[in-house]
Amino acid sequence: MWPLQLRSRRPTLQGSRRFVQVLQLFKTLHRTRQQVFKNDARALEAARIKINEEFKCNKSETSPKKIEELIKIGSDVELILRTSVIQGIHTDHNTLRTPP
């Protein structure tokens, strides 16, 4: 998902802006992951691996349109994680309790 090519000595201004956007999204996703899955080591690790894999497999993308699309997808994922995921604790056979 990294939009800058290492071949170029001087990245374009547009490329620099996209690079900053991508880096901010990467950091935001990891911060959100840490908040949403706090005290759940397995979920924290799985989310960390998934975020890193997605960014790594798209790091050589150069199409501005595709990069913008990937940024939008990542932003949507972050919003869903932050607003729609709840952690529950089993308290009984068919009962879940949400932590405070």
Protein backbone atom coordinates (compact mmCIF):
# COMPACT_ATOMS: atom_id res chain seq x y z
CA MET A 1 0.00 0.00 0.00
CA TRP A 2 3.03 2.31 0.05
CA PRO A 3 2.62 4.65 -2.92
CA LEU A 4 6.19 5.93 -3.20
CA GLN A 5 8.65 4.19 -5.43
CA LEU A 6 12.15 3.89 -4.03
CA ARG A 7 13.61 4.37 -7.52
CA SER A 8 12.74 8.04 -7.48
CA ARG A 9 15.18 10.28 -5.62
CA ARG A 10 12.59 13.02 -5.08
CA PRO A 11 9.02 11.92 -4.51
CA THR A 12 6.32 14.13 -5.98
CA LEU A 13 4.28 16.30 -3.67
CA GLN A 14 1.19 14.22 -4.47
CA GLY A 15 3.14 11.03 -3.72
CA SER A 16 4.32 12.50 -0.42
CA ARG A 17 0.76 13.37 0.58
CA ARG A 18 -0.41 9.86 -0.23
CA PHE A 19 2.51 8.38 1.69
CA VAL A 20 1.53 10.43 4.75
CA GLN A 21 -2.12 9.36 4.35
CA VAL A 22 -1.14 5.70 4.15
CA LEU A 23 1.18 5.96 7.15
CA GLN A 24 -1.49 7.74 9.20
CA LEU A 25 -4.04 5.08 8.29
CA PHE A 26 -1.60 2.31 9.25
CA LYS A 27 -0.99 3.90 12.65
CA THR A 28 -4.69 4.63 13.20
CA LEU A 29 -5.66 1.04 12.44
CA HIS A 30 -3.11 -0.24 14.95
CA ARG A 31 -4.28 2.22 17.63
CA THR A 32 -7.90 1.23 17.05
CA ARG A 33 -6.92 -2.45 17.21
CA GLN A 34 -5.26 -1.85 20.58
CA GLN A 35 -8.35 -0.11 21.97
CA VAL A 36 -10.96 -2.50 20.58
CA PHE A 37 -9.18 -5.72 21.52
CA LYS A 38 -7.64 -4.55 24.81
CA ASN A 39 -6.98 -7.52 27.15
CA ASP A 40 -7.51 -10.05 24.33
CA ALA A 41 -4.02 -11.17 23.31
CA ARG A 42 -5.23 -13.57 20.62
CA ALA A 43 -7.43 -10.96 18.89
CA LEU A 44 -4.72 -8.30 19.22
CA GLU A 45 -2.18 -10.54 17.52
CA ALA A 46 -4.57 -11.69 14.78
CA ALA A 47 -5.55 -8.10 13.97
CA ARG A 48 -1.89 -6.99 13.99
CA ILE A 49 -0.96 -9.73 11.54
CA LYS A 50 -3.93 -8.97 9.25
CA ILE A 51 -3.23 -5.21 9.14
CA ASN A 52 0.46 -5.78 8.42
CA GLU A 53 -0.30 -8.39 5.73
CA GLU A 54 -2.74 -6.11 3.91
CA PHE A 55 -0.33 -3.18 3.87
CA LYS A 56 2.59 -5.39 2.86
CA CYS A 57 0.77 -7.03 -0.06
CA ASN A 58 -0.18 -3.60 -1.44
CA LYS A 59 3.08 -1.75 -0.76
CA SER A 60 4.18 -1.77 -4.42
CA GLU A 61 0.88 -0.34 -5.69
CA THR A 62 1.52 2.71 -7.91
CA SER A 63 -1.90 3.50 -9.37
CA PRO A 64 -3.22 6.67 -7.67
CA LYS A 65 -6.81 5.50 -8.20
CA LYS A 66 -6.12 2.08 -6.62
CA ILE A 67 -4.23 3.69 -3.72
CA GLU A 68 -7.16 6.01 -3.01
CA GLU A 69 -9.50 3.00 -3.13
CA LEU A 70 -7.29 1.10 -0.66
CA ILE A 71 -7.17 4.12 1.66
CA LYS A 72 -10.97 4.31 1.57
CA ILE A 73 -11.27 0.59 2.38
CA GLY A 74 -8.81 0.93 5.27
CA SER A 75 -10.67 3.95 6.64
CA ASP A 76 -13.97 2.08 6.43
CA VAL A 77 -12.46 -0.90 8.26
CA GLU A 78 -11.15 1.39 11.01
CA LEU A 79 -14.60 2.97 11.41
CA ILE A 80 -16.30 -0.43 11.61
CA LEU A 81 -13.78 -1.67 14.19
CA ARG A 82 -14.21 1.47 16.28
CA THR A 83 -18.01 1.62 16.16
CA SER A 84 -19.33 -1.91 15.64
CA VAL A 85 -17.08 -4.44 17.38
CA ILE A 86 -17.77 -5.37 20.98
CA GLN A 87 -15.82 -7.75 23.17
CA GLY A 88 -17.78 -10.06 25.43
CA ILE A 89 -16.84 -12.25 28.38
CA HIS A 90 -18.56 -15.62 28.89
CA THR A 91 -20.17 -15.61 32.32
CA ASP A 92 -22.49 -18.57 31.92
CA HIS A 93 -23.42 -21.19 29.34
CA ASN A 94 -25.47 -18.77 27.19
CA THR A 95 -24.51 -15.44 28.72
CA LEU A 96 -22.03 -12.78 27.65
CA ARG A 97 -21.05 -9.72 29.67
CA THR A 98 -19.47 -6.65 28.13
CA PRO A 99 -16.54 -5.26 30.08
CA PRO A 100 -16.86 -1.70 31.42
